[in-house]
C-alpha atoms as a PDB file:
ATOM      1  CA  MET A   1     -24.482 156.733  19.085  1.00  0.00           C
ATOM      2  CA  SER A   2     -23.235 154.721  16.209  1.00  0.00           C
ATOM      3  CA  LEU A   3     -19.820 153.145  16.189  1.00  0.00           C
ATOM      4  CA  LYS A   4     -17.755 153.066  13.067  1.00  0.00           C
ATOM      5  CA  LEU A   5     -15.864 150.024  11.912  1.00  0.00           C
ATOM      6  CA  ILE A   6     -12.501 151.313  13.159  1.00  0.00           C
ATOM      7  CA  GLU A   7     -13.929 152.099  16.592  1.00  0.00           C
ATOM      8  CA  LEU A   8     -15.361 148.581  16.849  1.00  0.00           C
ATOM      9  CA  GLN A   9     -11.941 147.084  16.147  1.00  0.00           C
ATOM     10  CA  VAL A  10     -10.629 148.822  19.263  1.00  0.00           C
ATOM     11  CA  ALA A  11     -13.717 148.440  21.455  1.00  0.00           C
ATOM     12  CA  ILE A  12     -14.278 144.661  21.157  1.00  0.00           C
ATOM     13  CA  PRO A  13     -10.829 143.502  22.401  1.00  0.00           C
ATOM     14  CA  ARG A  14     -11.031 145.925  25.305  1.00  0.00           C
ATOM     15  CA  THR A  15     -14.401 144.585  26.404  1.00  0.00           C
ATOM     16  CA  MET A  16     -12.961 141.076  26.437  1.00  0.00           C
ATOM     17  CA  ASP A  17     -10.059 142.287  28.600  1.00  0.00           C
ATOM     18  CA  ALA A  18     -12.503 144.030  30.902  1.00  0.00           C
ATOM     19  CA  GLY A  19     -14.525 140.824  31.178  1.00  0.00           C
ATOM     20  CA  LYS A  20     -11.395 138.866  32.132  1.00  0.00           C
ATOM     21  CA  THR A  21     -10.472 141.364  34.812  1.00  0.00           C
ATOM     22  CA  ALA A  22     -14.028 141.280  36.177  1.00  0.00           C
ATOM     23  CA  VAL A  23     -13.869 137.480  36.445  1.00  0.00           C
ATOM     24  CA  ASP A  24     -10.451 137.697  38.114  1.00  0.00           C
ATOM     25  CA  LEU A  25     -11.779 140.195  40.656  1.00  0.00           C
ATOM     26  CA  ALA A  26     -14.780 137.991  41.364  1.00  0.00           C
ATOM     27  CA  GLN A  27     -12.575 134.956  41.988  1.00  0.00           C
ATOM     28  CA  LYS A  28      -9.975 136.852  44.015  1.00  0.00           C
ATOM     29  CA  GLY A  29     -12.018 136.611  47.215  1.00  0.00           C
ATOM     30  CA  MET A  30     -12.520 132.866  46.816  1.00  0.00           C
ATOM     31  CA  ILE A  31      -8.813 132.346  46.164  1.00  0.00           C
ATOM     32  CA  GLN A  32      -7.871 134.358  49.240  1.00  0.00           C
ATOM     33  CA  GLN A  33     -10.372 132.429  51.360  1.00  0.00           C
ATOM     34  CA  ALA A  34      -8.974 129.111  50.132  1.00  0.00           C
ATOM     35  CA  HIS A  35      -5.460 130.302  50.928  1.00  0.00           C
ATOM     36  CA  LEU A  36      -6.486 131.315  54.462  1.00  0.00           C
ATOM     37  CA  ILE A  37      -8.172 127.949  55.011  1.00  0.00           C
ATOM     38  CA  ASP A  38      -5.025 126.164  53.860  1.00  0.00           C
ATOM     39  CA  GLN A  39      -2.857 128.231  56.218  1.00  0.00           C
ATOM     40  CA  ASP A  40      -5.216 127.541  59.120  1.00  0.00           C
ATOM     41  CA  ARG A  41      -5.190 123.812  58.375  1.00  0.00           C
ATOM     42  CA  LYS A  42      -1.367 123.774  58.322  1.00  0.00           C
ATOM     43  CA  LYS A  43      -1.272 125.706  61.601  1.00  0.00           C
ATOM     44  CA  GLN A  44      -3.659 123.227  63.244  1.00  0.00           C
ATOM     45  CA  ILE A  45      -1.552 120.295  62.039  1.00  0.00           C
ATOM     46  CA  THR A  46       1.642 121.780  63.472  1.00  0.00           C
ATOM     47  CA  GLU A  47      -0.076 122.567  66.791  1.00  0.00           C
ATOM     48  CA  SER A  48      -1.467 119.041  67.030  1.00  0.00           C
ATOM     49  CA  LYS A  49       2.006 117.645  66.357  1.00  0.00           C
ATOM     50  CA  LYS A  50       3.397 119.795  69.169  1.00  0.00           C
ATOM     51  CA  VAL A  51       0.703 118.569  71.560  1.00  0.00           C
ATOM     52  CA  SER A  52       1.184 114.927  70.624  1.00  0.00           C
ATOM     53  CA  ALA A  53       4.971 115.288  70.978  1.00  0.00           C
ATOM     54  CA  LYS A  54       4.493 116.773  74.438  1.00  0.00           C
ATOM     55  CA  GLU A  55       2.147 113.934  75.406  1.00  0.00           C
ATOM     56  CA  ARG A  56       4.733 111.423  74.241  1.00  0.00           C
ATOM     57  CA  THR A  57       7.411 113.021  76.397  1.00  0.00           C
ATOM     58  CA  ASP A  58       5.045 113.140  79.373  1.00  0.00           C
ATOM     59  CA  ASN A  59       4.160 109.481  78.935  1.00  0.00           C
ATOM     60  CA  SER A  60       7.795 108.490  78.557  1.00  0.00           C
ATOM     61  CA  THR A  61       8.698 110.068  81.901  1.00  0.00           C
ATOM     62  CA  LEU A  62       5.953 108.067  83.574  1.00  0.00           C
ATOM     63  CA  HIS A  63       7.384 104.796  82.345  1.00  0.00           C
ATOM     64  CA  THR A  64      11.024 105.514  83.132  1.00  0.00           C
ATOM     65  CA  GLY A  65      10.632 105.550  86.909  1.00  0.00           C
ATOM     66  CA  GLU A  66      10.621 109.314  87.323  1.00  0.00           C
ATOM     67  CA  ASN A  67       7.005 108.951  88.342  1.00  0.00           C
ATOM     68  CA  ASN A  68       7.984 107.914  91.884  1.00  0.00           C
ATOM     69  CA  THR A  69       9.976 111.097  92.470  1.00  0.00           C
ATOM     70  CA  SER A  70       7.188 113.309  91.154  1.00  0.00           C
ATOM     71  CA  LYS A  71       4.623 111.656  93.461  1.00  0.00           C
ATOM     72  CA  SER A  72       6.862 112.042  96.498  1.00  0.00           C
ATOM     73  CA  THR A  73       7.275 115.756  95.789  1.00  0.00           C
ATOM     74  CA  GLN A  74       3.519 116.090  95.457  1.00  0.00           C
ATOM     75  CA  ARG A  75       2.953 114.413  98.819  1.00  0.00           C
ATOM     76  CA  SER A  76       5.530 116.560 100.598  1.00  0.00           C
ATOM     77  CA  ALA A  77       4.081 119.786  99.214  1.00  0.00           C
ATOM     78  CA  MET A  78       1.838 121.616 101.650  1.00  0.00           C
ATOM     79  CA  HIS A  79      -1.784 121.931 100.701  1.00  0.00           C
ATOM     80  CA  PRO A  80      -3.212 125.466 101.028  1.00  0.00           C
ATOM     81  CA  PHE A  81      -6.299 124.624 103.115  1.00  0.00           C
ATOM     82  CA  LYS A  82      -5.997 121.016 104.277  1.00  0.00           C
ATOM     83  CA  GLY A  83      -4.463 120.323 107.632  1.00  0.00           C
ATOM     84  CA  GLN A  84      -1.390 118.226 108.363  1.00  0.00           C
ATOM     85  CA  GLU A  85      -2.865 116.010 111.087  1.00  0.00           C
ATOM     86  CA  ILE A  86      -5.985 113.886 111.270  1.00  0.00           C
ATOM     87  CA  ASP A  87      -8.109 114.269 114.408  1.00  0.00           C
ATOM     88  CA  TYR A  88      -9.557 110.893 115.455  1.00  0.00           C
ATOM     89  CA  SER A  89     -11.032 112.057 118.789  1.00  0.00           C
ATOM     90  CA  GLY A  90     -14.454 112.901 117.777  1.00  0.00           C
END
């Protein structure tokens, strides 16, 4: 199959376009993977900020004196299997 000069003028630019699209398709997976990694990293950062903000609020309640009320409510709560009295006659 021999190509004439006019056919070559049309065929060569199309092969270059096809090569560009092949490269784009090959890199598409890597670009998507990088995008997913970036989204995951941003999600982890926001979750860590939420956790650290919660820890700060928990620590601030301990230092404000609310700690005494929380301990007294824990002591008054009934334990599911421990008894209420201590038996010393034994």
